[in-house]
Amino acid sequence: MVLGVLTGALTACGGGDAPDPESMDESTDAPTAVASPGGFMVEAGQPFDADPREARLRNVRQLTFDGENAEAYFSFDGTQLVFQRTENAEGACDRIWRMDLATGDTTAVSSGDGRTTCSYFYPSDDRVIFASTHAELDVCPAPPDMRMGYVWALYPEYDLWLTDPDGGNPVRLTDTPGYDAEATISPQGDRMVFTSVRDGDLELYSANLDGTDVVRLTDRIGYDGGAFFSPDGSKIVWRAHYPESEEEIADYQRLLSEGLIRPSELEIYVMDADGSNIRQVTDNGAANFGPFWHPDGERIIWSSNMGDPSGREFDLYMINEDGTGQEQITHTGDFDGFPMFSPDGRYLVWGSNRNPSHDGNTNVFIAEWVETPEAGAGM
């Protein structure tokens, strides 16, 4: 799903003015490779000086440097990312790309026709799933009219597609009226979860990886989206907005009929993978999105603007799934979002407005995750 964070168009499956570049210390040292336990070297991008307050992040590297880049997700073997990018050109549209973390080489996955969003690797890393409008609308659809307030567009032409990592052999997985997008795959490699309006509301569904055996997971009026499976595949975390008053419900349904949603209030929820045992994790009235499981399967990292009364600054936070133990992870002056841990838990990748090349510029960063920071370090 498209997430426009004020000055920049971002993506979320998950603001404000760009920070002053002079306020961020960009390293000029020669790149230093980061080795995984298996010997794989992350050499893509360039080193970036860490914020001393961000004690959970070590050996930070900036992976992209222009355009609008976000929603970067690891391959199952941890050596690649698939992400969404919009070039710095008038009328440019979101497109899916793949990055080799050893070399930094990028390869286009989607064709460049229409608008795309929410990409994810299949378990063998030989296929990529994403949402695209190209079958019904091969030009870039217009962004939403912000005169009605801050809204996201739910392009009805979005369907789920499966391709080779270079975009070859496309297969259409969904062909239903309205929005199908935000698909992610269980680490167990057996099911996907995605958001669809096929039953008249924005609900979560699970399915086999070939698109069969579709099961509806949620049934409460409101938006359910941005879902991810826990490491063992037994649970799902997602973001949701459930209007309660008659006025709120009417506003939600009016916007939905126009292919829009107002995301100013989103909370994080968890349920079992079959849709049972739903429980609310956050309850702060802010815009919470982009939740992802910590490798222990008990904690959740996500992005929120709860710390900024103006609602413009988004940072990463971590919390236990029962809503206790909240901890702030990032402290940049603008936007941090779309966090994902590598399959081995060694790295965290996320999107950020730090060190922008232009106003609102969003790039992808990666860092080693520090599970046990030194006492007092940035905490």
Protein backbone atom coordinates (compact mmCIF):
# COMPACT_ATOMS: atom_id res chain seq x y z
CA MET A 1 0.00 0.00 0.00
CA VAL A 2 1.17 3.50 -0.75
CA LEU A 3 2.13 5.53 2.29
CA GLY A 4 2.76 9.19 1.56
CA VAL A 5 4.69 10.64 4.46
CA LEU A 6 4.03 14.31 3.85
CA THR A 7 6.99 15.31 1.68
CA GLY A 8 7.82 11.93 0.18
CA ALA A 9 5.87 9.11 -1.43
CA LEU A 10 6.69 5.91 0.43
CA THR A 11 5.28 2.42 0.51
CA ALA A 12 3.93 0.12 3.13
CA CYS A 13 2.69 -3.41 3.14
CA GLY A 14 3.25 -0.40 7.23
CA GLY A 15 6.73 11.97 8.48
CA GLY A 16 7.49 15.36 7.95
CA ASP A 17 10.09 17.54 6.41
CA ALA A 18 13.42 15.94 5.51
CA PRO A 19 16.14 16.43 8.13
CA ASP A 20 18.97 18.86 7.51
CA PRO A 21 21.72 16.82 5.76
CA GLU A 22 24.33 18.71 7.79
CA SER A 23 22.77 17.41 10.99
CA MET A 24 23.66 13.82 10.03
CA ASP A 25 27.25 12.57 10.04
CA GLU A 26 27.89 10.56 6.89
CA SER A 27 31.04 8.45 7.08
CA THR A 28 33.74 9.13 4.51
CA ASP A 29 35.80 6.09 5.52
CA ALA A 30 36.40 3.30 3.05
CA PRO A 31 33.55 0.74 3.07
CA THR A 32 34.00 -2.06 5.57
CA ALA A 33 32.31 -5.36 4.79
CA VAL A 34 30.07 -6.99 7.39
CA ALA A 35 30.31 -10.77 7.60
CA SER A 36 27.48 -13.10 8.54
CA PRO A 37 28.20 -16.24 10.56
CA GLY A 38 28.04 -18.25 7.32
CA GLY A 39 30.71 -16.08 5.70
CA PHE A 40 28.40 -13.97 3.51
CA MET A 41 29.69 -10.41 3.20
CA VAL A 42 27.35 -7.42 3.06
CA GLU A 43 29.32 -5.00 0.89
CA ALA A 44 26.46 -3.14 -0.80
CA GLY A 45 26.14 0.57 -0.19
CA GLN A 46 28.33 2.73 2.00
CA PRO A 47 28.99 2.96 5.75
CA PHE A 48 26.95 5.51 7.63
CA ASP A 49 27.84 6.86 11.06
CA ALA A 50 25.43 5.53 13.65
CA ASP A 51 23.43 7.80 15.93
CA PRO A 52 24.83 7.16 19.44
CA ARG A 53 21.27 6.97 20.77
CA GLU A 54 20.58 3.97 18.51
CA ALA A 55 22.38 1.34 20.57
CA ARG A 56 20.59 -1.56 18.87
CA LEU A 57 22.14 -0.69 15.49
CA ARG A 58 25.79 -1.36 14.59
CA ASN A 59 27.74 -1.03 11.32
CA VAL A 60 24.97 0.96 9.64
CA ARG A 61 25.16 1.07 5.84
CA GLN A 62 23.17 3.19 3.39
CA LEU A 63 22.06 1.04 0.43
CA THR A 64 20.26 3.54 -1.84
CA PHE A 65 20.99 7.20 -2.50
CA ASP A 66 18.32 8.84 -4.67
CA GLY A 67 14.73 8.38 -5.68
CA GLU A 68 12.15 7.18 -3.17
CA ASN A 69 13.09 3.73 -1.82
CA ALA A 70 11.33 1.70 0.83
CA GLU A 71 9.67 -1.57 1.78
CA ALA A 72 12.89 -3.58 1.42
CA TYR A 73 12.52 -7.24 2.37
CA PHE A 74 15.12 -9.99 2.65
CA SER A 75 15.32 -13.10 0.52
CA PHE A 76 14.98 -16.36 2.43
CA ASP A 77 18.76 -16.93 2.21
CA GLY A 78 19.46 -13.39 3.46
CA THR A 79 21.70 -12.37 0.53
CA GLN A 80 19.24 -10.18 -1.41
CA LEU A 81 16.58 -7.54 -0.93
CA VAL A 82 13.48 -6.87 -2.97
CA PHE A 83 12.21 -3.32 -2.65
CA GLN A 84 10.08 -0.57 -4.15
CA ARG A 85 11.55 2.47 -5.85
CA THR A 86 10.26 5.63 -7.53
CA GLU A 87 12.75 7.48 -9.71
CA ASN A 88 13.36 11.24 -9.49
CA ALA A 89 11.38 12.05 -12.61
CA GLU A 90 8.07 13.74 -13.23
CA GLY A 91 5.31 11.18 -13.54
CA ALA A 92 7.56 8.31 -12.37
CA CYS A 93 5.71 5.37 -10.88
CA ASP A 94 6.60 2.83 -8.20
CA ARG A 95 8.56 -0.15 -9.50
CA ILE A 96 9.93 -3.33 -7.90
CA TRP A 97 13.70 -3.90 -7.81
CA ARG A 98 16.04 -6.55 -6.45
CA MET A 99 19.43 -5.85 -4.80
CA ASP A 100 22.41 -8.17 -4.30
CA LEU A 101 23.72 -7.38 -0.81
CA ALA A 102 27.21 -8.58 -1.69
CA THR A 103 27.69 -6.30 -4.70
CA GLY A 104 24.95 -3.68 -4.50
CA ASP A 105 23.85 -4.56 -8.05
CA THR A 106 20.16 -3.95 -8.70
CA THR A 107 17.83 -5.66 -11.17
CA ALA A 108 14.36 -4.55 -12.22
CA VAL A 109 11.70 -7.09 -11.30
CA SER A 110 8.49 -5.41 -12.47
CA SER A 111 8.09 -4.27 -16.07
CA GLY A 112 7.69 -0.55 -15.35
CA ASP A 113 4.09 -0.58 -16.60
CA GLY A 114 1.46 0.64 -14.17
CA ARG A 115 2.03 0.95 -10.42
CA THR A 116 3.46 -1.77 -8.20
CA THR A 117 3.72 -2.29 -4.45
CA CYS A 118 4.46 -4.77 -1.66
CA SER A 119 6.98 -7.27 -3.03
CA TYR A 120 8.25 -10.40 -1.29
CA PHE A 121 10.46 -13.39 -2.09
CA TYR A 122 9.16 -16.94 -2.33
CA PRO A 123 10.89 -19.55 -0.12
CA SER A 124 13.30 -20.79 -2.81
CA ASP A 125 14.16 -17.17 -3.76
CA ASP A 126 13.47 -18.03 -7.40
CA ARG A 127 10.12 -16.18 -7.53
CA VAL A 128 8.86 -12.78 -6.32
CA ILE A 129 5.29 -11.81 -5.48
CA PHE A 130 4.03 -8.23 -5.72
CA ALA A 131 0.90 -6.24 -6.50
CA SER A 132 0.58 -4.49 -9.85
CA THR A 133 -2.01 -2.52 -11.79
CA HIS A 134 -0.47 -3.24 -15.21
CA ALA A 135 -3.05 -5.78 -16.44
CA GLU A 136 -5.87 -3.24 -16.09
CA LEU A 137 -3.96 0.04 -16.07
CA ASP A 138 -0.51 0.13 -17.64
CA VAL A 139 0.07 3.84 -16.96
CA CYS A 140 0.77 5.30 -13.55
CA PRO A 141 -2.54 6.05 -11.77
CA ALA A 142 -2.98 9.50 -10.34
CA PRO A 143 -2.12 10.02 -6.66
CA PRO A 144 -5.04 10.76 -4.31
CA ASP A 145 -6.41 14.27 -3.92
CA MET A 146 -5.11 15.50 -0.57
CA ARG A 147 -7.71 18.26 -0.44
CA MET A 148 -9.88 15.74 1.42
CA GLY A 149 -7.15 15.31 4.02
CA TYR A 150 -4.30 12.84 4.36
CA VAL A 151 -5.46 9.66 2.59
CA TRP A 152 -4.02 6.53 0.96
CA ALA A 153 -5.17 5.32 -2.44
CA LEU A 154 -6.48 1.75 -2.80
CA TYR A 155 -6.11 1.32 -6.54
CA PRO A 156 -8.78 -1.20 -7.62
CA GLU A 157 -6.55 -2.40 -10.47
CA TYR A 158 -4.08 -3.97 -8.01
CA ASP A 159 -3.80 -7.76 -8.28
CA LEU A 160 -1.14 -10.15 -7.03
CA TRP A 161 1.50 -11.29 -9.54
CA LEU A 162 4.29 -13.84 -9.38
CA THR A 163 7.44 -13.53 -11.53
CA ASP A 164 11.00 -14.74 -11.79
CA PRO A 165 13.53 -12.53 -9.95
CA ASP A 166 14.23 -10.74 -13.26
CA GLY A 167 10.52 -10.26 -14.03
CA GLY A 168 10.18 -13.20 -16.42
CA ASN A 169 7.37 -15.76 -16.54
CA PRO A 170 4.66 -13.61 -14.93
CA VAL A 171 1.70 -15.42 -13.39
CA ARG A 172 -1.43 -13.64 -12.19
CA LEU A 173 -2.49 -15.00 -8.79
CA THR A 174 -5.62 -12.92 -8.14
CA ASP A 175 -8.27 -11.56 -10.50
CA THR A 176 -11.00 -10.21 -8.27
CA PRO A 177 -12.75 -6.82 -8.38
CA GLY A 178 -10.98 -4.22 -6.28
CA TYR A 179 -7.79 -4.10 -4.27
CA ASP A 180 -5.55 -7.16 -3.76
CA ALA A 181 -2.10 -6.31 -2.34
CA GLU A 182 0.23 -6.37 0.68
CA ALA A 183 1.17 -10.05 0.31
CA THR A 184 3.91 -11.62 2.47
CA ILE A 185 5.05 -15.23 2.88
CA SER A 186 5.36 -17.36 6.01
CA PRO A 187 8.97 -18.21 6.98
CA GLN A 188 7.73 -21.81 6.97
CA GLY A 189 7.17 -21.45 3.22
CA ASP A 190 3.64 -22.82 3.16
CA ARG A 191 1.18 -19.86 3.18
CA MET A 192 0.84 -16.23 2.18
CA VAL A 193 -1.20 -13.49 3.83
CA PHE A 194 -2.60 -10.49 1.94
CA THR A 195 -5.18 -7.69 2.07
CA SER A 196 -8.23 -7.67 -0.20
CA VAL A 197 -11.51 -5.80 -0.60
CA ARG A 198 -13.12 -8.77 -2.40
CA ASP A 199 -15.84 -9.12 0.25
CA GLY A 200 -16.62 -5.41 0.47
CA ASP A 201 -14.25 -4.43 3.26
CA LEU A 202 -10.45 -4.38 3.70
CA GLU A 203 -9.75 -7.77 5.27
CA LEU A 204 -6.83 -10.16 5.68
CA TYR A 205 -6.76 -13.47 3.83
CA SER A 206 -4.35 -16.39 3.76
CA ALA A 207 -3.74 -18.73 0.83
CA ASN A 208 -1.45 -21.39 -0.55
CA LEU A 209 1.52 -20.00 -2.44
CA ASP A 210 -0.18 -20.78 -5.77
CA GLY A 211 -3.18 -18.66 -4.78
CA THR A 212 -5.50 -21.56 -3.95
CA ASP A 213 -7.31 -22.30 -0.67
CA VAL A 214 -8.09 -18.65 0.14
CA VAL A 215 -9.21 -18.27 3.76
CA ARG A 216 -10.60 -15.05 5.23
CA LEU A 217 -8.93 -14.24 8.58
CA THR A 218 -10.58 -10.99 9.76
CA ASP A 219 -14.18 -9.80 9.78
CA ARG A 220 -14.35 -6.53 11.72
CA ILE A 221 -15.37 -3.39 9.85
CA GLY A 222 -12.29 -1.29 9.09
CA TYR A 223 -8.88 -1.61 7.50
CA ASP A 224 -6.69 -4.68 8.09
CA GLY A 225 -3.32 -4.74 6.34
CA GLY A 226 0.47 -4.91 6.36
CA ALA A 227 0.54 -8.44 7.81
CA PHE A 228 3.58 -10.64 8.54
CA PHE A 229 3.91 -14.19 9.88
CA SER A 230 5.93 -14.96 12.99
CA PRO A 231 9.20 -16.90 12.49
CA ASP A 232 7.50 -20.23 13.21
CA GLY A 233 4.47 -19.34 11.07
CA SER A 234 2.05 -19.75 13.99
CA LYS A 235 1.06 -16.08 14.40
CA ILE A 236 0.37 -12.99 12.30
CA VAL A 237 1.00 -9.35 13.20
CA TRP A 238 -0.72 -6.52 11.31
CA ARG A 239 -1.94 -2.93 11.45
CA ALA A 240 -5.62 -2.05 11.66
CA HIS A 241 -8.05 0.82 11.96
CA TYR A 242 -11.54 0.02 13.27
CA PRO A 243 -13.97 2.94 13.20
CA GLU A 244 -16.43 2.79 16.08
CA SER A 245 -18.91 5.69 16.03
CA GLU A 246 -21.57 5.95 13.34
CA GLU A 247 -19.83 9.07 12.03
CA GLU A 248 -16.44 7.31 11.84
CA ILE A 249 -17.94 4.27 10.12
CA ALA A 250 -19.74 6.47 7.58
CA ASP A 251 -16.52 8.37 6.82
CA TYR A 252 -14.56 5.11 6.46
CA GLN A 253 -17.14 3.55 4.13
CA ARG A 254 -17.45 6.73 2.06
CA LEU A 255 -13.70 6.86 1.51
CA LEU A 256 -13.53 3.12 0.80
CA SER A 257 -16.19 3.49 -1.91
CA GLU A 258 -13.87 6.05 -3.52
CA GLY A 259 -10.83 3.77 -3.23
CA LEU A 260 -9.32 5.67 -0.29
CA ILE A 261 -8.49 5.21 3.37
CA ARG A 262 -7.49 7.70 6.07
CA PRO A 263 -4.50 6.21 7.98
CA SER A 264 -4.07 8.75 10.78
CA GLU A 265 -4.94 6.18 13.46
CA LEU A 266 -3.63 2.62 13.14
CA GLU A 267 -2.95 0.14 15.93
CA ILE A 268 -0.93 -3.09 15.94
CA TYR A 269 -2.71 -6.42 16.41
CA VAL A 270 -1.66 -10.08 16.66
CA MET A 271 -3.61 -13.26 15.95
CA ASP A 272 -2.99 -16.94 15.43
CA ALA A 273 -2.32 -17.87 11.80
CA ASP A 274 -5.83 -19.29 11.39
CA GLY A 275 -7.43 -15.97 12.38
CA SER A 276 -8.25 -16.95 15.96
CA ASN A 277 -7.14 -15.43 19.28
CA ILE A 278 -7.00 -11.80 18.11
CA ARG A 279 -5.40 -9.41 20.58
CA GLN A 280 -4.44 -5.72 20.44
CA VAL A 281 -0.78 -4.83 21.04
CA THR A 282 -0.68 -1.01 20.89
CA ASP A 283 -3.26 1.48 22.09
CA ASN A 284 -1.74 4.92 21.64
CA GLY A 285 -4.06 6.55 19.08
CA ALA A 286 -1.16 7.24 16.71
CA ALA A 287 -0.28 6.03 13.21
CA ASN A 288 1.39 2.66 13.87
CA PHE A 289 2.40 0.59 10.86
CA GLY A 290 5.02 -1.72 9.36
CA PRO A 291 5.09 -4.29 12.20
CA PHE A 292 7.55 -7.18 11.95
CA TRP A 293 8.46 -9.97 14.34
CA HIS A 294 11.71 -10.07 16.27
CA PRO A 295 13.47 -13.41 15.62
CA ASP A 296 12.38 -14.64 19.06
CA GLY A 297 8.75 -14.60 17.89
CA GLU A 298 7.69 -12.78 21.04
CA ARG A 299 8.58 -9.16 20.32
CA ILE A 300 7.48 -6.83 17.52
CA ILE A 301 9.32 -3.95 15.86
CA TRP A 302 7.25 -1.28 14.13
CA SER A 303 7.07 2.38 13.09
CA SER A 304 5.02 5.03 14.87
CA ASN A 305 4.61 8.78 15.19
CA MET A 306 3.44 8.48 18.79
CA GLY A 307 6.45 10.44 20.06
CA ASP A 308 5.67 13.56 18.01
CA PRO A 309 2.60 15.64 18.95
CA SER A 310 2.55 17.04 15.41
CA GLY A 311 2.48 13.52 13.96
CA ARG A 312 5.30 14.26 11.55
CA GLU A 313 8.20 12.22 12.96
CA PHE A 314 8.14 8.41 12.69
CA ASP A 315 10.60 6.23 14.61
CA LEU A 316 11.06 2.50 15.10
CA TYR A 317 9.93 0.96 18.37
CA MET A 318 9.95 -2.54 19.81
CA ILE A 319 7.42 -4.12 22.16
CA ASN A 320 6.44 -7.47 23.61
CA GLU A 321 3.40 -8.96 21.91
CA ASP A 322 1.44 -8.52 25.15
CA GLY A 323 1.98 -4.74 24.92
CA THR A 324 4.66 -4.49 27.62
CA GLY A 325 8.33 -3.52 27.47
CA GLN A 326 8.13 -0.78 24.84
CA GLU A 327 11.52 0.50 23.65
CA GLN A 328 12.45 3.21 21.14
CA ILE A 329 14.96 1.95 18.54
CA THR A 330 15.62 4.92 16.20
CA HIS A 331 15.82 8.66 16.86
CA THR A 332 16.18 10.31 13.45
CA GLY A 333 14.48 13.68 13.10
CA ASP A 334 12.07 12.65 10.37
CA PHE A 335 11.03 9.17 9.21
CA ASP A 336 12.09 5.59 9.94
CA GLY A 337 9.86 2.73 8.86
CA PHE A 338 9.41 -0.66 7.15
CA PRO A 339 11.73 -2.64 9.47
CA MET A 340 12.58 -6.29 8.75
CA PHE A 341 15.00 -8.66 10.43
CA SER A 342 17.13 -10.95 8.27
CA PRO A 343 16.20 -14.64 8.47
CA ASP A 344 19.18 -15.32 10.75
CA GLY A 345 18.35 -12.33 12.95
CA ARG A 346 21.75 -10.71 12.42
CA TYR A 347 20.59 -7.66 10.46
CA LEU A 348 17.82 -5.10 10.43
CA VAL A 349 16.85 -3.35 7.19
CA TRP A 350 14.58 -0.30 7.13
CA GLY A 351 13.66 2.85 5.20
CA SER A 352 14.68 6.28 6.42
CA ASN A 353 14.77 9.97 5.51
CA ARG A 354 18.18 10.35 7.19
CA ASN A 355 20.90 11.78 4.94
CA PRO A 356 18.49 12.87 2.17
CA SER A 357 19.69 13.84 -1.29
CA HIS A 358 16.61 16.06 -1.69
CA ASP A 359 13.56 17.11 0.28
CA GLY A 360 11.62 14.08 1.47
CA ASN A 361 14.15 11.59 0.05
CA THR A 362 13.71 8.08 1.49
CA ASN A 363 16.45 5.45 1.28
CA VAL A 364 17.12 1.92 2.46
CA PHE A 365 19.55 1.29 5.34
CA ILE A 366 20.88 -1.90 6.88
CA ALA A 367 22.62 -2.51 10.22
CA GLU A 368 23.78 -5.33 12.40
CA TRP A 369 21.26 -5.88 15.19
CA VAL A 370 22.64 -5.59 18.72
CA GLU A 371 20.63 -7.93 20.91
CA THR A 372 22.38 -6.91 24.13
CA PRO A 373 23.61 -3.29 24.02
CA GLU A 374 26.28 -2.21 26.46
CA ALA A 375 24.86 -0.89 29.71
CA GLY A 376 23.74 2.71 29.27
CA ALA A 377 24.61 2.85 25.57
CA GLY A 378 21.85 4.84 23.95
CA MET A 379 19.23 3.31 26.20
